[in-house]
């Protein structure tokens, strides 16, 4: 800053990054001019080990991230009573939603978060990745402090983005062109204990191939119907009622993608690959939805739910109330009343969470990646986003990343091969529906 001893931090960081890049280009050019073997890219000449400052910063961020589970904190603990209240009121009034009390002080965690220094990491790429994660954790903490307030919605918009018109149009096309499905609310499916037993069997298979795949399964009474991964735990709602034909697809989604990338990321040396790079969730959910398709479990009903989440997010972000959004899904698009309620409950949790648009957006990104000849292998390294694909390639070229300890078991199945080949040739999400 002219006339002072202060500096412009952004300009300083840009200058440092450019100096490092220029030095690497110079070395690469020297090797080429000297007729020595040049690297595939000058970036691969960067640091080939994590310095102590990077490891310390990563551990400090992990210490903050480990104090809370964002999705658990914004998920209602009274989903079934809320449904009964909504139904008894003729679907005219949003039910009261109850949440787990926070076990920490948000302000204290924010102070801890920003006490993490990223000034002397000597690696512009890793500095950026850790800084982005620091900002994401800050947003999540701000959202937890703002549960059930208007600020929660806007902070969520900053975290997950708005619903772009092209995504909304794709969702509407799916809902209009796929057959409406009769209500299955009263049909008896697999309960929590059966699903948990099958999950433990699948986990045992992964553990046999990689001993550090140390996942646990818990049946919980404080979750809406379905499954949820929290770090190394698979949580199964006591209210789960799953059609048998959806079992393999759902377990491939939760275990074959979410848990697998957790443990693969844990083997990378930095916790950020286990916790997830900033913005990783879209690609994670896209891969998980692709997994459902590859094992033959993408039904019309499932894809309609994924599309309905986009429509509900769009309505919520536009200011529509809970009951109006329910009427849109139930009346305009033909979801049965319980399915429509479950979608709207997810979208309005915490005060309005825009996360659920990422499933359709994510699988569309994955399908585009496959169509363009991209490989899925880098995405099994840990929890990464599409925006970080080039960064992962650089870190890999520098020898900082290990090959995935495991790849999803479903990829090698006879059922998956023809579907993966079809996806690589180019398909739209609506083309994944088989039943």
Protein backbone atom coordinates (compact mmCIF):
# COMPACT_ATOMS: atom_id res chain seq x y z
CA UNK A 1 0.00 0.00 0.00
CA UNK A 2 1.67 3.28 -1.07
CA UNK A 3 3.03 5.31 1.83
CA UNK A 4 2.69 2.44 4.33
CA UNK A 5 4.36 -0.85 5.21
CA UNK A 6 1.17 -2.76 4.46
CA UNK A 7 0.68 -4.97 1.39
CA UNK A 8 -2.25 -5.94 -0.80
CA UNK A 9 -2.74 -9.62 0.18
CA UNK A 10 -4.42 -10.69 -3.06
CA UNK A 11 -1.71 -9.10 -5.19
CA UNK A 12 1.00 -10.63 -2.99
CA UNK A 13 -0.51 -14.11 -3.39
CA UNK A 14 -0.87 -13.63 -7.15
CA UNK A 15 2.76 -12.51 -7.48
CA UNK A 16 3.99 -15.48 -5.45
CA UNK A 17 1.93 -17.91 -7.53
CA UNK A 18 3.21 -16.38 -10.79
CA UNK A 19 6.81 -16.47 -9.58
CA UNK A 20 6.52 -20.14 -8.64
CA UNK A 21 4.91 -20.97 -11.98
CA UNK A 22 7.54 -19.01 -13.91
CA UNK A 23 10.36 -20.78 -12.08
CA UNK A 24 8.87 -24.17 -12.89
CA UNK A 25 8.47 -23.20 -16.54
CA UNK A 26 12.10 -22.07 -16.63
CA UNK A 27 13.34 -25.37 -15.23
CA UNK A 28 11.17 -27.29 -17.68
CA UNK A 29 12.52 -25.22 -20.59
CA UNK A 30 16.10 -25.80 -19.41
CA UNK A 31 15.57 -29.56 -19.31
CA UNK A 32 14.13 -29.49 -22.81
CA UNK A 33 16.95 -27.29 -24.17
CA UNK A 34 19.55 -29.54 -22.54
CA UNK A 35 17.98 -32.53 -24.30
CA UNK A 36 17.18 -34.02 -20.92
CA UNK A 37 13.83 -35.68 -20.41
CA UNK A 38 11.32 -32.86 -19.82
CA UNK A 39 8.28 -33.42 -17.61
CA UNK A 40 4.85 -33.94 -19.12
CA UNK A 41 3.92 -30.59 -17.57
CA UNK A 42 6.04 -28.01 -15.77
CA UNK A 43 3.66 -28.21 -12.80
CA UNK A 44 4.89 -31.72 -12.04
CA UNK A 45 8.21 -30.16 -10.98
CA UNK A 46 6.57 -28.60 -7.93
CA UNK A 47 6.98 -29.79 -4.35
CA UNK A 48 6.78 -33.56 -4.02
CA UNK A 49 6.07 -33.69 -0.28
CA UNK A 50 3.80 -31.87 2.12
CA UNK A 51 5.82 -29.51 4.31
CA UNK A 52 5.04 -29.36 8.03
CA UNK A 53 3.19 -26.04 7.70
CA UNK A 54 0.73 -27.60 5.23
CA UNK A 55 0.13 -30.60 7.46
CA UNK A 56 -0.41 -28.38 10.51
CA UNK A 57 -2.89 -26.15 8.66
CA UNK A 58 -4.76 -29.18 7.34
CA UNK A 59 -5.00 -30.71 10.81
CA UNK A 60 -6.21 -27.42 12.27
CA UNK A 61 -9.00 -27.15 9.69
CA UNK A 62 -9.89 -30.78 10.31
CA UNK A 63 -10.15 -30.03 14.02
CA UNK A 64 -12.89 -27.49 13.25
CA UNK A 65 -14.63 -29.66 10.65
CA UNK A 66 -14.73 -32.59 13.08
CA UNK A 67 -16.71 -30.65 15.69
CA UNK A 68 -19.93 -30.75 13.69
CA UNK A 69 -21.85 -32.67 11.05
CA UNK A 70 -23.56 -30.04 8.94
CA UNK A 71 -26.31 -32.20 7.44
CA UNK A 72 -27.20 -33.84 10.75
CA UNK A 73 -27.39 -30.41 12.35
CA UNK A 74 -29.91 -29.13 9.80
CA UNK A 75 -31.98 -32.33 9.48
CA UNK A 76 -35.21 -32.47 11.53
CA UNK A 77 -35.43 -35.10 14.24
CA UNK A 78 -39.24 -35.28 14.09
CA UNK A 79 -39.92 -36.15 10.45
CA UNK A 80 -42.72 -38.67 11.17
CA UNK A 81 -44.62 -36.44 13.66
CA UNK A 82 -44.19 -33.55 11.21
CA UNK A 83 -45.82 -35.61 8.45
CA UNK A 84 -48.71 -36.51 10.72
CA UNK A 85 -49.18 -32.85 11.67
CA UNK A 86 -49.05 -31.73 8.02
CA UNK A 87 -51.51 -34.44 6.97
CA UNK A 88 -53.92 -33.70 9.83
CA UNK A 89 -53.93 -30.03 8.84
CA UNK A 90 -55.04 -30.82 5.30
CA UNK A 91 -51.62 -29.99 3.85
CA UNK A 92 -52.32 -26.29 4.45
CA UNK A 93 -49.69 -25.34 7.03
CA UNK A 94 -45.99 -26.07 7.43
CA UNK A 95 -45.44 -28.37 10.41
CA UNK A 96 -43.16 -27.53 13.31
CA UNK A 97 -39.67 -28.95 12.78
CA UNK A 98 -37.31 -29.80 15.61
CA UNK A 99 -33.51 -29.94 15.41
CA UNK A 100 -30.61 -31.25 17.43
CA UNK A 101 -29.15 -28.59 19.73
CA UNK A 102 -25.66 -27.54 18.70
CA UNK A 103 -22.92 -29.01 20.90
CA UNK A 104 -20.52 -26.12 20.37
CA UNK A 105 -20.41 -22.33 20.21
CA UNK A 106 -20.34 -21.13 16.62
CA UNK A 107 -18.35 -18.00 17.49
CA UNK A 108 -15.68 -20.05 19.25
CA UNK A 109 -15.30 -22.37 16.25
CA UNK A 110 -15.06 -19.39 13.91
CA UNK A 111 -12.28 -17.90 16.01
CA UNK A 112 -10.51 -21.25 15.89
CA UNK A 113 -11.10 -21.50 12.14
CA UNK A 114 -9.54 -18.14 11.36
CA UNK A 115 -6.66 -18.66 13.75
CA UNK A 116 -5.37 -21.15 11.16
CA UNK A 117 -2.58 -19.39 9.28
CA UNK A 118 -2.19 -20.11 5.58
CA UNK A 119 0.56 -17.53 5.02
CA UNK A 120 3.69 -19.69 4.86
CA UNK A 121 2.68 -22.91 3.10
CA UNK A 122 5.12 -22.36 0.19
CA UNK A 123 2.69 -23.99 -2.24
CA UNK A 124 0.15 -21.75 -4.03
CA UNK A 125 -2.07 -24.66 -5.07
CA UNK A 126 -2.37 -26.18 -1.60
CA UNK A 127 -2.78 -22.72 -0.10
CA UNK A 128 -5.75 -22.11 -2.40
CA UNK A 129 -7.36 -25.49 -1.66
CA UNK A 130 -7.06 -24.99 2.10
CA UNK A 131 -8.27 -21.39 1.86
CA UNK A 132 -11.35 -22.46 -0.10
CA UNK A 133 -12.11 -25.09 2.54
CA UNK A 134 -11.67 -22.52 5.29
CA UNK A 135 -14.24 -20.28 3.59
CA UNK A 136 -16.66 -23.19 3.10
CA UNK A 137 -16.47 -24.14 6.78
CA UNK A 138 -17.11 -20.50 7.65
CA UNK A 139 -20.28 -20.52 5.53
CA UNK A 140 -21.49 -23.75 7.11
CA UNK A 141 -20.92 -22.39 10.61
CA UNK A 142 -22.75 -19.20 9.69
CA UNK A 143 -25.67 -21.28 8.44
CA UNK A 144 -25.84 -23.28 11.66
CA UNK A 145 -25.97 -20.04 13.63
CA UNK A 146 -28.81 -18.87 11.35
CA UNK A 147 -31.02 -21.97 11.39
CA UNK A 148 -34.70 -21.15 10.81
CA UNK A 149 -34.00 -17.54 9.86
CA UNK A 150 -34.11 -15.82 6.43
CA UNK A 151 -30.32 -15.56 6.51
CA UNK A 152 -30.06 -19.37 6.36
CA UNK A 153 -31.55 -19.39 2.85
CA UNK A 154 -29.21 -16.73 1.51
CA UNK A 155 -26.13 -18.30 3.07
CA UNK A 156 -27.20 -21.60 1.51
CA UNK A 157 -27.54 -19.89 -1.84
CA UNK A 158 -23.94 -18.73 -1.48
CA UNK A 159 -22.83 -22.26 -0.57
CA UNK A 160 -24.77 -24.29 -3.15
CA UNK A 161 -25.74 -21.74 -5.79
CA UNK A 162 -29.08 -20.94 -7.35
CA UNK A 163 -31.05 -23.18 -9.68
CA UNK A 164 -29.97 -22.27 -13.19
CA UNK A 165 -32.77 -22.12 -15.83
CA UNK A 166 -31.28 -24.99 -17.85
CA UNK A 167 -31.29 -27.26 -14.79
CA UNK A 168 -34.90 -26.35 -13.96
CA UNK A 169 -35.89 -27.03 -17.58
CA UNK A 170 -34.19 -30.43 -17.47
CA UNK A 171 -36.02 -31.28 -14.24
CA UNK A 172 -39.38 -30.27 -15.72
CA UNK A 173 -38.73 -32.39 -18.80
CA UNK A 174 -38.06 -35.42 -16.61
CA UNK A 175 -41.25 -34.86 -14.60
CA UNK A 176 -43.32 -34.33 -17.73
CA UNK A 177 -41.95 -37.21 -19.81
CA UNK A 178 -41.49 -39.98 -17.24
CA UNK A 179 -44.58 -41.90 -16.14
CA UNK A 180 -46.23 -40.83 -12.92
CA UNK A 181 -45.86 -43.51 -10.28
CA UNK A 182 -48.67 -44.76 -8.07
CA UNK A 183 -48.24 -44.26 -4.34
CA UNK A 184 -46.17 -46.93 -2.62
CA UNK A 185 -46.76 -45.53 0.85
CA UNK A 186 -48.61 -48.61 2.07
CA UNK A 187 -46.47 -51.21 0.34
CA UNK A 188 -44.26 -53.19 2.66
CA UNK A 189 -40.58 -52.92 1.82
CA UNK A 190 -37.31 -53.65 3.55
CA UNK A 191 -37.11 -52.23 7.05
CA UNK A 192 -34.17 -50.64 8.82
CA UNK A 193 -32.76 -53.87 10.24
CA UNK A 194 -32.77 -55.63 6.86
CA UNK A 195 -31.14 -52.66 5.15
CA UNK A 196 -28.54 -52.37 7.92
CA UNK A 197 -27.69 -56.08 7.62
CA UNK A 198 -27.21 -55.77 3.85
CA UNK A 199 -25.07 -52.67 4.38
CA UNK A 200 -22.82 -54.52 6.82
CA UNK A 201 -22.38 -57.30 4.26
CA UNK A 202 -21.32 -54.82 1.57
CA UNK A 203 -18.96 -53.05 3.97
CA UNK A 204 -17.42 -56.41 4.89
CA UNK A 205 -16.59 -56.94 1.22
CA UNK A 206 -14.75 -53.63 1.01
CA UNK A 207 -13.02 -54.26 4.35
CA UNK A 208 -11.74 -57.59 3.07
CA UNK A 209 -10.05 -55.76 0.19
CA UNK A 210 -8.78 -52.86 2.34
CA UNK A 211 -8.45 -53.39 6.08
CA UNK A 212 -8.69 -49.66 6.86
CA UNK A 213 -12.21 -49.51 5.41
CA UNK A 214 -13.49 -49.28 8.96
CA UNK A 215 -17.11 -48.19 8.53
CA UNK A 216 -19.92 -48.73 10.99
CA UNK A 217 -23.69 -48.94 10.55
CA UNK A 218 -26.12 -47.38 13.01
CA UNK A 219 -29.91 -47.60 13.06
CA UNK A 220 -31.27 -44.27 14.29
CA UNK A 221 -34.72 -43.11 15.37
CA UNK A 222 -33.94 -39.40 14.90
CA UNK A 223 -33.66 -39.33 11.10
CA UNK A 224 -36.18 -39.10 8.26
CA UNK A 225 -36.69 -42.35 6.34
CA UNK A 226 -33.59 -43.27 4.35
CA UNK A 227 -29.82 -43.46 4.73
CA UNK A 228 -27.18 -40.85 5.51
CA UNK A 229 -23.39 -41.04 5.62
CA UNK A 230 -21.66 -39.13 8.42
CA UNK A 231 -17.88 -39.43 8.04
CA UNK A 232 -17.17 -43.17 8.52
CA UNK A 233 -20.69 -44.05 9.66
CA UNK A 234 -23.71 -45.15 7.66
CA UNK A 235 -26.85 -44.02 9.47
CA UNK A 236 -30.08 -45.90 8.73
CA UNK A 237 -33.38 -44.36 9.76
CA UNK A 238 -35.63 -46.56 11.88
CA UNK A 239 -38.49 -45.44 9.58
CA UNK A 240 -36.81 -46.83 6.46
CA UNK A 241 -39.16 -48.74 4.13
CA UNK A 242 -37.16 -49.55 1.00
CA UNK A 243 -38.43 -51.39 -2.10
CA UNK A 244 -36.22 -54.49 -2.45
CA UNK A 245 -35.28 -53.62 -6.03
CA UNK A 246 -33.72 -50.37 -4.78
CA UNK A 247 -31.45 -51.95 -2.15
CA UNK A 248 -28.31 -52.50 -4.23
CA UNK A 249 -28.63 -49.09 -5.84
CA UNK A 250 -28.97 -47.26 -2.54
CA UNK A 251 -26.08 -49.12 -0.90
CA UNK A 252 -23.90 -48.52 -3.96
CA UNK A 253 -24.75 -44.83 -3.63
CA UNK A 254 -23.92 -44.56 0.07
CA UNK A 255 -21.18 -47.17 0.53
CA UNK A 256 -19.73 -47.54 -2.97
CA UNK A 257 -19.30 -43.78 -3.39
CA UNK A 258 -19.64 -41.76 -0.17
CA UNK A 259 -17.88 -44.13 2.23
CA UNK A 260 -15.38 -45.34 -0.36
CA UNK A 261 -14.18 -41.81 -1.15
CA UNK A 262 -13.99 -41.06 2.57
CA UNK A 263 -11.55 -43.91 3.19
CA UNK A 264 -9.63 -43.36 -0.06
CA UNK A 265 -9.30 -39.70 0.87
CA UNK A 266 -8.16 -40.65 4.35
CA UNK A 267 -5.19 -42.46 2.79
CA UNK A 268 -3.96 -39.35 0.94
CA UNK A 269 -2.05 -37.78 3.81
CA UNK A 270 -4.23 -34.68 4.21
CA UNK A 271 -7.63 -34.71 5.90
CA UNK A 272 -9.03 -32.30 3.32
CA UNK A 273 -9.32 -35.18 0.84
CA UNK A 274 -11.37 -37.14 3.39
CA UNK A 275 -13.53 -34.22 4.50
CA UNK A 276 -13.92 -32.97 0.96
CA UNK A 277 -12.48 -30.13 -1.08
CA UNK A 278 -14.71 -27.06 -1.17
CA UNK A 279 -17.73 -27.66 -3.40
CA UNK A 280 -17.18 -31.41 -3.62
CA UNK A 281 -20.78 -32.40 -2.90
CA UNK A 282 -22.13 -31.85 -6.41
CA UNK A 283 -19.70 -34.28 -8.00
CA UNK A 284 -20.11 -36.72 -5.08
CA UNK A 285 -23.86 -36.87 -5.51
CA UNK A 286 -23.50 -37.05 -9.28
CA UNK A 287 -21.22 -40.08 -8.96
CA UNK A 288 -23.59 -41.61 -6.43
CA UNK A 289 -26.59 -41.20 -8.75
CA UNK A 290 -24.52 -42.68 -11.59
CA UNK A 291 -23.81 -45.67 -9.32
CA UNK A 292 -27.55 -46.24 -8.95
CA UNK A 293 -27.88 -46.34 -12.73
CA UNK A 294 -24.88 -48.61 -13.28
CA UNK A 295 -26.27 -51.31 -10.98
CA UNK A 296 -29.65 -51.18 -12.71
CA UNK A 297 -31.51 -49.37 -9.95
CA UNK A 298 -32.50 -46.11 -11.63
CA UNK A 299 -36.28 -46.29 -11.65
CA UNK A 300 -38.66 -43.67 -13.01
CA UNK A 301 -39.81 -43.00 -9.46
CA UNK A 302 -36.25 -42.32 -8.28
CA UNK A 303 -35.36 -39.98 -11.15
CA UNK A 304 -38.64 -38.13 -10.65
CA UNK A 305 -37.71 -37.53 -7.01
CA UNK A 306 -34.31 -36.18 -8.05
CA UNK A 307 -35.98 -33.85 -10.56
CA UNK A 308 -38.63 -32.82 -8.03
CA UNK A 309 -35.88 -31.70 -5.66
CA UNK A 310 -34.71 -29.21 -8.27
CA UNK A 311 -38.22 -27.79 -8.71
CA UNK A 312 -38.64 -27.55 -4.94
CA UNK A 313 -35.28 -25.79 -4.53
CA UNK A 314 -36.19 -23.30 -7.25
CA UNK A 315 -39.53 -22.55 -5.58
CA UNK A 316 -37.99 -22.22 -2.12
CA UNK A 317 -35.26 -19.87 -3.34
CA UNK A 318 -37.92 -17.75 -5.06
CA UNK A 319 -39.68 -17.33 -1.71
CA UNK A 320 -42.47 -19.89 -2.07
CA UNK A 321 -43.75 -21.30 1.25
CA UNK A 322 -43.63 -24.96 2.28
CA UNK A 323 -47.29 -25.72 1.55
CA UNK A 324 -47.23 -24.06 -1.89
CA UNK A 325 -44.15 -26.04 -2.90
CA UNK A 326 -45.90 -29.21 -1.73
CA UNK A 327 -48.92 -28.38 -3.92
CA UNK A 328 -46.69 -27.85 -6.95
CA UNK A 329 -45.08 -31.28 -6.58
CA UNK A 330 -48.27 -33.09 -5.62
CA UNK A 331 -50.80 -31.29 -7.82
CA UNK A 332 -48.83 -30.15 -10.86
CA UNK A 333 -46.33 -32.99 -11.19
CA UNK A 334 -48.20 -35.91 -9.67
CA UNK A 335 -45.97 -37.00 -6.81
CA UNK A 336 -47.94 -38.88 -4.17
CA UNK A 337 -48.54 -36.89 -1.02
CA UNK A 338 -45.91 -38.61 1.14
CA UNK A 339 -43.20 -38.42 -1.53
CA UNK A 340 -43.96 -34.76 -2.16
CA UNK A 341 -43.79 -34.07 1.57
CA UNK A 342 -40.43 -35.86 1.91
CA UNK A 343 -38.94 -33.78 -0.92
CA UNK A 344 -40.26 -30.50 0.48
CA UNK A 345 -39.11 -31.43 4.00
CA UNK A 346 -35.56 -31.93 2.71
CA UNK A 347 -35.58 -28.62 0.86
CA UNK A 348 -37.07 -26.56 3.72
CA UNK A 349 -34.94 -28.09 6.48
CA UNK A 350 -33.01 -25.63 8.56
CA UNK A 351 -35.04 -22.78 7.11
CA UNK A 352 -34.49 -23.58 3.43
CA UNK A 353 -31.53 -25.59 2.09
CA UNK A 354 -30.63 -25.33 -1.61
CA UNK A 355 -28.45 -28.46 -1.53
CA UNK A 356 -30.84 -30.86 -3.21
CA UNK A 357 -30.48 -29.34 -6.67
CA UNK A 358 -26.96 -30.79 -6.80
CA UNK A 359 -28.08 -34.37 -7.48
CA UNK A 360 -29.42 -33.71 -10.97
CA UNK A 361 -26.78 -31.07 -11.70
CA UNK A 362 -24.05 -33.43 -10.52
CA UNK A 363 -25.08 -36.46 -12.54
CA UNK A 364 -25.41 -34.28 -15.65
CA UNK A 365 -21.81 -33.11 -15.07
CA UNK A 366 -20.61 -36.69 -14.65
CA UNK A 367 -22.36 -37.79 -17.85
CA UNK A 368 -20.82 -34.86 -19.75
CA UNK A 369 -17.41 -35.80 -18.34
CA UNK A 370 -17.81 -39.40 -19.53
CA UNK A 371 -19.07 -38.33 -22.96
CA UNK A 372 -15.99 -36.14 -23.45
CA UNK A 373 -13.74 -39.14 -22.78
CA UNK A 374 -12.99 -38.39 -19.15
CA UNK A 375 -12.06 -41.08 -16.65
CA UNK A 376 -13.82 -41.70 -13.35
CA UNK A 377 -10.64 -42.90 -11.63
CA UNK A 378 -9.45 -39.49 -10.35
CA UNK A 379 -12.77 -39.00 -8.57
CA UNK A 380 -12.20 -42.08 -6.39
CA UNK A 381 -9.02 -40.54 -4.90
CA UNK A 382 -11.12 -38.68 -2.34
CA UNK A 383 -13.94 -36.18 -2.14
CA UNK A 384 -13.21 -33.70 -4.92
CA UNK A 385 -15.23 -31.42 -7.18
CA UNK A 386 -15.27 -31.10 -10.94
CA UNK A 387 -13.69 -27.66 -10.58
CA UNK A 388 -10.63 -29.26 -8.94
CA UNK A 389 -10.01 -31.88 -11.62
CA UNK A 390 -6.95 -30.05 -13.00
CA UNK A 391 -5.63 -29.50 -9.47
CA UNK A 392 -5.88 -33.21 -8.74
CA UNK A 393 -4.02 -33.98 -11.96
CA UNK A 394 -1.22 -31.61 -10.93
CA UNK A 395 -0.95 -33.05 -7.41
CA UNK A 396 -0.90 -36.52 -8.92
CA UNK A 397 1.85 -35.54 -11.37
CA UNK A 398 3.88 -34.21 -8.44
CA UNK A 399 3.58 -37.54 -6.67
CA UNK A 400 1.57 -36.11 -3.78
CA UNK A 401 -1.45 -38.36 -4.28
CA UNK A 402 -1.74 -42.11 -4.11
CA UNK A 403 -3.83 -44.20 -6.44
CA UNK A 404 -7.24 -44.98 -4.94
CA UNK A 405 -6.94 -47.80 -2.43
CA UNK A 406 -10.29 -49.10 -3.66
CA UNK A 407 -12.52 -48.62 -6.66
CA UNK A 408 -16.27 -49.19 -6.37
CA UNK A 409 -17.14 -52.86 -6.58
CA UNK A 410 -20.07 -52.11 -8.85
CA UNK A 411 -17.76 -50.88 -11.64
CA UNK A 412 -16.52 -54.41 -12.27
CA UNK A 413 -19.96 -56.02 -12.25
CA UNK A 414 -21.48 -57.52 -15.38
CA UNK A 415 -24.50 -55.27 -14.90
CA UNK A 416 -22.44 -52.08 -14.92
CA UNK A 417 -20.24 -52.62 -17.98
CA UNK A 418 -22.84 -52.14 -20.74
CA UNK A 419 -24.41 -49.22 -18.91
CA UNK A 420 -21.05 -47.51 -18.44
CA UNK A 421 -20.31 -48.02 -22.13
CA UNK A 422 -23.67 -46.44 -22.95
CA UNK A 423 -22.93 -43.50 -20.66
CA UNK A 424 -19.54 -42.97 -22.29
CA UNK A 425 -21.23 -42.85 -25.69
CA UNK A 426 -23.40 -40.01 -24.43
CA UNK A 427 -26.75 -40.04 -22.64
CA UNK A 428 -28.99 -37.57 -20.82
CA UNK A 429 -30.10 -38.21 -17.23
CA UNK A 430 -33.59 -39.13 -18.47
CA UNK A 431 -32.04 -41.96 -20.50
CA UNK A 432 -30.91 -43.68 -17.29
CA UNK A 433 -34.45 -44.81 -16.50
CA UNK A 434 -34.92 -48.50 -17.19
CA UNK A 435 -37.91 -49.47 -15.01
